C-alpha atoms as a PDB file:
ATOM      1  CA  MET A   1    -181.538 195.128  17.256  1.00  0.00           C
ATOM      2  CA  TYR A   2    -178.819 194.532  19.451  1.00  0.00           C
ATOM      3  CA  ILE A   3    -180.552 193.317  21.939  1.00  0.00           C
ATOM      4  CA  ILE A   4    -182.622 190.820  19.660  1.00  0.00           C
ATOM      5  CA  VAL A   5    -179.238 189.073  18.604  1.00  0.00           C
ATOM      6  CA  LYS A   6    -177.918 188.588  21.847  1.00  0.00           C
ATOM      7  CA  TYR A   7    -181.202 186.869  23.435  1.00  0.00           C
ATOM      8  CA  ILE A   8    -180.981 185.001  20.287  1.00  0.00           C
ATOM      9  CA  ILE A   9    -177.022 184.245  21.456  1.00  0.00           C
ATOM     10  CA  ILE A  10    -178.090 183.485  25.266  1.00  0.00           C
ATOM     11  CA  PHE A  11    -180.740 180.867  23.279  1.00  0.00           C
ATOM     12  CA  LEU A  12    -178.193 179.309  21.075  1.00  0.00           C
ATOM     13  CA  CYS A  13    -175.811 178.961  23.474  1.00  0.00           C
ATOM     14  CA  MET A  14    -178.583 177.685  26.474  1.00  0.00           C
ATOM     15  CA  SER A  15    -180.021 174.933  23.979  1.00  0.00           C
ATOM     16  CA  PRO A  16    -179.108 171.432  23.658  1.00  0.00           C
ATOM     17  CA  ILE A  17    -178.463 171.860  19.363  1.00  0.00           C
ATOM     18  CA  LEU A  18    -176.425 168.731  19.551  1.00  0.00           C
ATOM     19  CA  SER A  19    -178.494 166.315  21.618  1.00  0.00           C
ATOM     20  CA  TYR A  20    -181.039 163.931  20.464  1.00  0.00           C
ATOM     21  CA  SER A  21    -179.025 164.210  16.796  1.00  0.00           C
ATOM     22  CA  GLU A  22    -179.373 161.589  14.519  1.00  0.00           C
ATOM     23  CA  PRO A  23    -177.355 158.479  14.739  1.00  0.00           C
ATOM     24  CA  ASP A  24    -174.433 157.801  13.240  1.00  0.00           C
ATOM     25  CA  GLN A  25    -173.016 154.409  11.745  1.00  0.00           C
ATOM     26  CA  TYR A  26    -170.547 152.877  14.003  1.00  0.00           C
ATOM     27  CA  LYS A  27    -168.833 149.418  15.603  1.00  0.00           C
ATOM     28  CA  ALA A  28    -167.826 149.117  19.172  1.00  0.00           C
ATOM     29  CA  VAL A  29    -166.041 146.649  21.610  1.00  0.00           C
ATOM     30  CA  TYR A  30    -167.284 146.922  25.086  1.00  0.00           C
ATOM     31  CA  SER A  31    -165.420 144.824  27.968  1.00  0.00           C
ATOM     32  CA  PHE A  32    -167.652 143.809  30.652  1.00  0.00           C
ATOM     33  CA  SER A  33    -166.098 143.149  34.239  1.00  0.00           C
ATOM     34  CA  LEU A  34    -166.564 142.710  38.135  1.00  0.00           C
ATOM     35  CA  LYS A  35    -164.234 143.555  40.598  1.00  0.00           C
ATOM     36  CA  GLY A  36    -161.608 144.304  37.745  1.00  0.00           C
ATOM     37  CA  ILE A  37    -161.926 140.496  36.318  1.00  0.00           C
ATOM     38  CA  GLU A  38    -163.392 140.843  32.357  1.00  0.00           C
ATOM     39  CA  PHE A  39    -165.633 138.165  32.037  1.00  0.00           C
ATOM     40  CA  ALA A  40    -167.233 138.980  28.422  1.00  0.00           C
ATOM     41  CA  ASN A  41    -167.427 141.208  25.416  1.00  0.00           C
ATOM     42  CA  SER A  42    -169.869 142.573  23.231  1.00  0.00           C
ATOM     43  CA  GLU A  43    -169.529 143.246  19.865  1.00  0.00           C
ATOM     44  CA  HIS A  44    -171.779 146.229  18.633  1.00  0.00           C
ATOM     45  CA  ASN A  45    -172.649 147.036  15.059  1.00  0.00           C
ATOM     46  CA  LEU A  46    -174.907 150.339  14.072  1.00  0.00           C
ATOM     47  CA  THR A  47    -175.518 150.414  10.614  1.00  0.00           C
ATOM     48  CA  TYR A  48    -178.061 152.277   7.852  1.00  0.00           C
ATOM     49  CA  ASP A  49    -179.799 150.802   5.265  1.00  0.00           C
ATOM     50  CA  LYS A  50    -180.867 153.157   2.738  1.00  0.00           C
ATOM     51  CA  ASN A  51    -183.182 151.403   0.637  1.00  0.00           C
ATOM     52  CA  ARG A  52    -185.207 149.910   3.770  1.00  0.00           C
ATOM     53  CA  ASP A  53    -184.709 153.299   5.134  1.00  0.00           C
ATOM     54  CA  GLU A  54    -183.948 152.125   8.861  1.00  0.00           C
ATOM     55  CA  TRP A  55    -181.278 151.958  11.515  1.00  0.00           C
ATOM     56  CA  CYS A  56    -180.212 148.166  12.870  1.00  0.00           C
ATOM     57  CA  ILE A  57    -178.299 147.961  15.540  1.00  0.00           C
ATOM     58  CA  ASN A  58    -176.744 144.200  16.117  1.00  0.00           C
ATOM     59  CA  THR A  59    -174.821 143.041  19.436  1.00  0.00           C
ATOM     60  CA  ILE A  60    -173.243 140.086  19.765  1.00  0.00           C
ATOM     61  CA  SER A  61    -171.875 139.122  23.379  1.00  0.00           C
ATOM     62  CA  TYR A  62    -170.163 136.186  24.706  1.00  0.00           C
ATOM     63  CA  THR A  63    -167.927 134.904  27.449  1.00  0.00           C
ATOM     64  CA  VAL A  64    -163.814 135.383  27.074  1.00  0.00           C
ATOM     65  CA  ASN A  65    -160.859 134.169  29.060  1.00  0.00           C
ATOM     66  CA  ILE A  66    -161.547 131.121  31.676  1.00  0.00           C
ATOM     67  CA  PHE A  67    -165.272 132.222  31.278  1.00  0.00           C
ATOM     68  CA  SER A  68    -165.625 130.911  27.613  1.00  0.00           C
ATOM     69  CA  LEU A  69    -165.516 127.440  29.078  1.00  0.00           C
ATOM     70  CA  LYS A  70    -169.002 128.031  29.573  1.00  0.00           C
ATOM     71  CA  GLU A  71    -170.693 128.723  26.653  1.00  0.00           C
ATOM     72  CA  ASP A  72    -173.104 131.534  27.106  1.00  0.00           C
ATOM     73  CA  THR A  73    -173.867 133.482  23.618  1.00  0.00           C
ATOM     74  CA  ARG A  74    -176.172 136.553  23.122  1.00  0.00           C
ATOM     75  CA  THR A  75    -177.151 138.102  20.179  1.00  0.00           C
ATOM     76  CA  GLU A  76    -179.214 141.044  19.905  1.00  0.00           C
ATOM     77  CA  ASN A  77    -180.746 143.023  16.607  1.00  0.00           C
ATOM     78  CA  SER A  78    -183.150 146.177  16.909  1.00  0.00           C
ATOM     79  CA  CYS A  79    -184.306 148.011  13.563  1.00  0.00           C
ATOM     80  CA  PHE A  80    -185.627 151.553  13.783  1.00  0.00           C
ATOM     81  CA  THR A  81    -186.413 154.475  12.232  1.00  0.00           C
ATOM     82  CA  PHE A  82    -185.380 158.113  12.776  1.00  0.00           C
ATOM     83  CA  HIS A  83    -187.217 160.923  10.679  1.00  0.00           C
ATOM     84  CA  LYS A  84    -186.858 164.654  10.649  1.00  0.00           C
ATOM     85  CA  THR A  85    -190.891 164.672  10.604  1.00  0.00           C
ATOM     86  CA  ASN A  86    -193.513 162.560  11.875  1.00  0.00           C
ATOM     87  CA  ASN A  87    -195.658 160.033  10.008  1.00  0.00           C
ATOM     88  CA  THR A  88    -197.306 158.108  12.461  1.00  0.00           C
ATOM     89  CA  ASP A  89    -198.768 158.173  15.945  1.00  0.00           C
ATOM     90  CA  LEU A  90    -196.680 155.452  16.930  1.00  0.00           C
ATOM     91  CA  ASN A  91    -193.350 157.354  16.383  1.00  0.00           C
ATOM     92  CA  ILE A  92    -191.893 159.244  19.867  1.00  0.00           C
ATOM     93  CA  PRO A  93    -190.537 162.517  19.248  1.00  0.00           C
ATOM     94  CA  LEU A  94    -187.213 163.754  20.497  1.00  0.00           C
ATOM     95  CA  LEU A  95    -185.427 167.027  19.913  1.00  0.00           C
ATOM     96  CA  ASN A  96    -184.895 166.872  16.137  1.00  0.00           C
ATOM     97  CA  GLY A  97    -186.950 164.128  15.119  1.00  0.00           C
ATOM     98  CA  TYR A  98    -189.116 160.949  15.462  1.00  0.00           C
ATOM     99  CA  LEU A  99    -188.007 157.533  16.620  1.00  0.00           C
ATOM    100  CA  GLY A 100    -190.030 154.444  15.513  1.00  0.00           C
ATOM    101  CA  PHE A 101    -189.861 150.909  16.807  1.00  0.00           C
ATOM    102  CA  LYS A 102    -189.641 148.560  13.935  1.00  0.00           C
ATOM    103  CA  SER A 103    -188.614 144.625  15.085  1.00  0.00           C
ATOM    104  CA  TYR A 104    -186.096 143.068  17.601  1.00  0.00           C
ATOM    105  CA  HIS A 105    -184.540 139.721  17.739  1.00  0.00           C
ATOM    106  CA  PHE A 106    -183.141 138.112  20.605  1.00  0.00           C
ATOM    107  CA  GLU A 107    -181.040 134.811  21.024  1.00  0.00           C
ATOM    108  CA  ARG A 108    -179.101 133.034  23.727  1.00  0.00           C
ATOM    109  CA  ILE A 109    -177.150 129.977  23.751  1.00  0.00           C
ATOM    110  CA  ARG A 110    -176.397 128.777  26.702  1.00  0.00           C
ATOM    111  CA  SER A 111    -174.989 125.432  27.132  1.00  0.00           C
ATOM    112  CA  GLY A 112    -176.654 124.149  24.463  1.00  0.00           C
ATOM    113  CA  GLU A 113    -179.718 125.780  25.169  1.00  0.00           C
ATOM    114  CA  ILE A 114    -181.632 128.396  23.071  1.00  0.00           C
ATOM    115  CA  ARG A 115    -184.049 130.781  23.982  1.00  0.00           C
ATOM    116  CA  SER A 116    -185.268 133.251  21.505  1.00  0.00           C
ATOM    117  CA  VAL A 117    -187.831 136.274  21.293  1.00  0.00           C
ATOM    118  CA  VAL A 118    -189.187 137.941  17.703  1.00  0.00           C
ATOM    119  CA  SER A 119    -190.800 140.973  17.969  1.00  0.00           C
ATOM    120  CA  LYS A 120    -192.409 143.237  15.352  1.00  0.00           C
ATOM    121  CA  VAL A 121    -194.974 145.743  15.425  1.00  0.00           C
ATOM    122  CA  ILE A 122    -198.411 144.245  13.820  1.00  0.00           C
ATOM    123  CA  ASP A 123    -201.969 146.417  13.388  1.00  0.00           C
ATOM    124  CA  SER A 124    -199.991 149.246  16.011  1.00  0.00           C
ATOM    125  CA  LYS A 125    -199.469 146.303  18.529  1.00  0.00           C
ATOM    126  CA  VAL A 126    -195.525 144.941  19.336  1.00  0.00           C
ATOM    127  CA  VAL A 127    -196.238 140.605  19.023  1.00  0.00           C
ATOM    128  CA  SER A 128    -193.262 138.966  20.362  1.00  0.00           C
ATOM    129  CA  THR A 129    -192.975 135.076  19.888  1.00  0.00           C
ATOM    130  CA  LEU A 130    -190.753 133.483  22.732  1.00  0.00           C
ATOM    131  CA  ASN A 131    -189.124 130.437  21.758  1.00  0.00           C
ATOM    132  CA  GLU A 132    -190.958 129.901  18.021  1.00  0.00           C
ATOM    133  CA  LYS A 133    -194.571 129.182  20.289  1.00  0.00           C
ATOM    134  CA  ASP A 134    -195.694 131.432  23.220  1.00  0.00           C
ATOM    135  CA  VAL A 135    -197.028 134.594  21.179  1.00  0.00           C
ATOM    136  CA  ARG A 136    -197.551 137.788  23.528  1.00  0.00           C
ATOM    137  CA  TYR A 137    -199.226 141.026  22.365  1.00  0.00           C
ATOM    138  CA  ASP A 138    -198.311 144.349  23.553  1.00  0.00           C
ATOM    139  CA  ASP A 139    -200.433 147.389  23.444  1.00  0.00           C
ATOM    140  CA  ASN A 140    -198.538 149.879  24.779  1.00  0.00           C
ATOM    141  CA  SER A 141    -194.591 149.776  24.527  1.00  0.00           C
ATOM    142  CA  LYS A 142    -192.937 152.159  21.966  1.00  0.00           C
ATOM    143  CA  LEU A 143    -189.597 150.827  21.856  1.00  0.00           C
ATOM    144  CA  ASP A 144    -187.567 147.533  22.611  1.00  0.00           C
ATOM    145  CA  ARG A 145    -184.784 147.454  25.252  1.00  0.00           C
ATOM    146  CA  LEU A 146    -181.716 147.946  22.585  1.00  0.00           C
ATOM    147  CA  THR A 147    -182.870 151.129  21.084  1.00  0.00           C
ATOM    148  CA  ALA A 148    -184.225 152.305  24.132  1.00  0.00           C
ATOM    149  CA  GLN A 149    -180.398 151.894  25.835  1.00  0.00           C
ATOM    150  CA  LEU A 150    -179.333 153.638  22.753  1.00  0.00           C
ATOM    151  CA  PHE A 151    -181.380 156.962  22.903  1.00  0.00           C
ATOM    152  CA  GLY A 152    -181.825 156.793  26.663  1.00  0.00           C
ATOM    153  CA  TYR A 153    -180.118 160.542  27.247  1.00  0.00           C
ATOM    154  CA  ALA A 154    -183.296 161.620  25.241  1.00  0.00           C
ATOM    155  CA  LEU A 155    -186.301 159.730  26.856  1.00  0.00           C
ATOM    156  CA  GLY A 156    -188.056 159.879  30.329  1.00  0.00           C
ATOM    157  CA  GLU A 157    -191.092 157.762  31.463  1.00  0.00           C
ATOM    158  CA  ILE A 158    -191.882 154.940  28.345  1.00  0.00           C
ATOM    159  CA  ASN A 159    -193.382 151.622  28.118  1.00  0.00           C
ATOM    160  CA  ILE A 160    -190.595 149.434  26.877  1.00  0.00           C
ATOM    161  CA  ASN A 161    -190.887 145.923  25.139  1.00  0.00           C
ATOM    162  CA  ASP A 162    -188.289 143.962  26.881  1.00  0.00           C
ATOM    163  CA  LYS A 163    -187.705 140.768  25.230  1.00  0.00           C
ATOM    164  CA  GLY A 164    -191.129 140.284  24.563  1.00  0.00           C
ATOM    165  CA  ARG A 165    -192.279 141.529  28.235  1.00  0.00           C
ATOM    166  CA  GLU A 166    -194.088 144.729  28.799  1.00  0.00           C
ATOM    167  CA  ARG A 167    -191.814 147.114  31.417  1.00  0.00           C
ATOM    168  CA  LYS A 168    -192.056 150.734  32.262  1.00  0.00           C
ATOM    169  CA  TYR A 169    -188.454 152.212  32.083  1.00  0.00           C
ATOM    170  CA  THR A 170    -187.603 155.783  33.483  1.00  0.00           C
ATOM    171  CA  PHE A 171    -184.368 157.549  32.580  1.00  0.00           C
ATOM    172  CA  ARG A 172    -182.964 160.086  34.876  1.00  0.00           C
ATOM    173  CA  HIS A 173    -180.163 162.636  34.094  1.00  0.00           C
ATOM    174  CA  ILE A 174    -178.129 162.485  37.175  1.00  0.00           C
ATOM    175  CA  ARG A 175    -175.379 164.927  36.122  1.00  0.00           C
ATOM    176  CA  ASP A 176    -172.537 165.999  33.321  1.00  0.00           C
ATOM    177  CA  ASP A 177    -169.177 164.710  34.039  1.00  0.00           C
ATOM    178  CA  LYS A 178    -166.059 164.171  32.679  1.00  0.00           C
ATOM    179  CA  ILE A 179    -164.000 160.793  32.698  1.00  0.00           C
ATOM    180  CA  LYS A 180    -161.271 158.857  30.724  1.00  0.00           C
ATOM    181  CA  THR A 181    -162.016 156.658  28.270  1.00  0.00           C
ATOM    182  CA  ILE A 182    -160.617 155.375  25.001  1.00  0.00           C
ATOM    183  CA  PHE A 183    -160.941 158.785  23.697  1.00  0.00           C
ATOM    184  CA  GLY A 184    -159.220 160.226  26.067  1.00  0.00           C
ATOM    185  CA  ASP A 185    -160.703 162.951  28.199  1.00  0.00           C
ATOM    186  CA  THR A 186    -164.353 162.701  27.889  1.00  0.00           C
ATOM    187  CA  ASN A 187    -167.323 164.831  28.734  1.00  0.00           C
ATOM    188  CA  VAL A 188    -170.248 162.512  29.427  1.00  0.00           C
ATOM    189  CA  LYS A 189    -173.987 162.958  30.796  1.00  0.00           C
ATOM    190  CA  ILE A 190    -175.066 160.305  33.484  1.00  0.00           C
ATOM    191  CA  ILE A 191    -178.330 158.746  33.159  1.00  0.00           C
ATOM    192  CA  LYS A 192    -180.081 156.387  35.654  1.00  0.00           C
ATOM    193  CA  LYS A 193    -182.464 153.827  34.190  1.00  0.00           C
ATOM    194  CA  ASP A 194    -184.771 152.342  36.286  1.00  0.00           C
ATOM    195  CA  ILE A 195    -187.587 149.478  35.915  1.00  0.00           C
ATOM    196  CA  VAL A 196    -190.622 150.090  37.627  1.00  0.00           C
ATOM    197  CA  ASN A 197    -191.645 147.114  39.907  1.00  0.00           C
ATOM    198  CA  ASN A 198    -188.165 145.530  39.379  1.00  0.00           C
ATOM    199  CA  LYS A 199    -184.729 144.985  41.734  1.00  0.00           C
ATOM    200  CA  ARG A 200    -182.312 146.297  38.359  1.00  0.00           C
ATOM    201  CA  SER A 201    -181.322 149.647  37.461  1.00  0.00           C
ATOM    202  CA  SER A 202    -178.456 151.204  35.547  1.00  0.00           C
ATOM    203  CA  LEU A 203    -176.121 154.110  35.339  1.00  0.00           C
ATOM    204  CA  ILE A 204    -175.585 154.669  31.742  1.00  0.00           C
ATOM    205  CA  TRP A 205    -172.262 157.528  30.536  1.00  0.00           C
ATOM    206  CA  TYR A 206    -173.014 158.725  27.491  1.00  0.00           C
ATOM    207  CA  SER A 207    -170.443 160.874  25.814  1.00  0.00           C
ATOM    208  CA  LEU A 208    -171.201 164.474  24.657  1.00  0.00           C
ATOM    209  CA  ASP A 209    -167.937 164.313  22.461  1.00  0.00           C
ATOM    210  CA  ASN A 210    -169.065 161.630  20.351  1.00  0.00           C
ATOM    211  CA  ASN A 211    -172.660 162.215  19.729  1.00  0.00           C
ATOM    212  CA  TYR A 212    -174.067 160.318  22.559  1.00  0.00           C
ATOM    213  CA  LEU A 213    -172.280 156.942  22.251  1.00  0.00           C
ATOM    214  CA  PRO A 214    -172.731 154.994  25.454  1.00  0.00           C
ATOM    215  CA  VAL A 215    -168.862 154.838  26.578  1.00  0.00           C
ATOM    216  CA  MET A 216    -169.693 153.038  30.230  1.00  0.00           C
ATOM    217  CA  ILE A 217    -172.499 150.846  31.677  1.00  0.00           C
ATOM    218  CA  GLU A 218    -173.292 150.173  35.002  1.00  0.00           C
ATOM    219  CA  GLN A 219    -175.793 147.423  36.082  1.00  0.00           C
ATOM    220  CA  TYR A 220    -177.521 146.992  39.699  1.00  0.00           C
ATOM    221  CA  ARG A 221    -179.605 144.856  41.642  1.00  0.00           C
ATOM    222  CA  LEU A 222    -181.094 147.075  44.222  1.00  0.00           C
ATOM    223  CA  ASP A 223    -177.892 148.477  45.528  1.00  0.00           C
ATOM    224  CA  LYS A 224    -175.715 145.793  44.078  1.00  0.00           C
ATOM    225  CA  LEU A 225    -173.124 146.197  41.179  1.00  0.00           C
ATOM    226  CA  MET A 226    -173.507 143.213  38.936  1.00  0.00           C
ATOM    227  CA  PHE A 227    -170.939 144.333  36.036  1.00  0.00           C
ATOM    228  CA  ARG A 228    -169.619 147.323  34.151  1.00  0.00           C
ATOM    229  CA  ALA A 229    -168.973 147.587  31.055  1.00  0.00           C
ATOM    230  CA  LYS A 230    -166.750 149.804  29.530  1.00  0.00           C
ATOM    231  CA  LEU A 231    -166.049 150.800  25.430  1.00  0.00           C
ATOM    232  CA  LYS A 232    -162.645 148.939  24.469  1.00  0.00           C
ATOM    233  CA  SER A 233    -162.377 149.497  20.731  1.00  0.00           C
ATOM    234  CA  PHE A 234    -164.402 152.023  18.622  1.00  0.00           C
ATOM    235  CA  GLU A 235    -164.860 152.585  14.704  1.00  0.00           C
ATOM    236  CA  ASP A 236    -166.854 154.508  12.884  1.00  0.00           C
END
């Protein structure tokens, strides 16, 4: 009996009990900078709609400081399901639940020019409409880019619908670390996101102390840092 209890305790200590948990609702603001100069902010709002049984992450990103003289505003909305049990083969299994894609919307207004993407699942396919006229069909993607980034700590190699384009993402655990954030000393899991056959990649710091909230993101083109996004405010 002692041996059984001992091994149960060891298993519990080794198992990622807090990993891949159900999302929490929150509001967050990220500061984008390069070489110490802030050029944009991004507001994120994760909510749950009980009547529709869906989670939605809504973001709006915009230029700040002197950079706001040039209009560049982006809004993204991604809705997904998270269930304890599976109800369709389209869902992605996590450790203690199943993630399912529902819809995605992107709009960018830059110097008066509007670019938009609307994606949704129709007959097990992701159907995307670009700029209200160009329709594309995607048979393989399981998630959109925004939800994938939210759950990147739990994903491996996966087909992603990236603003209407089918792409393959890989998420790889680099290491665990402790960094300074708005929460103080924060334990983080660092994940590298690569896009197959693409020059872009990202490093994402997920907080182990705050339900895997992304607290910092660095985007690279080849080995060149393009920007760093840091969490500047948070409200749950």
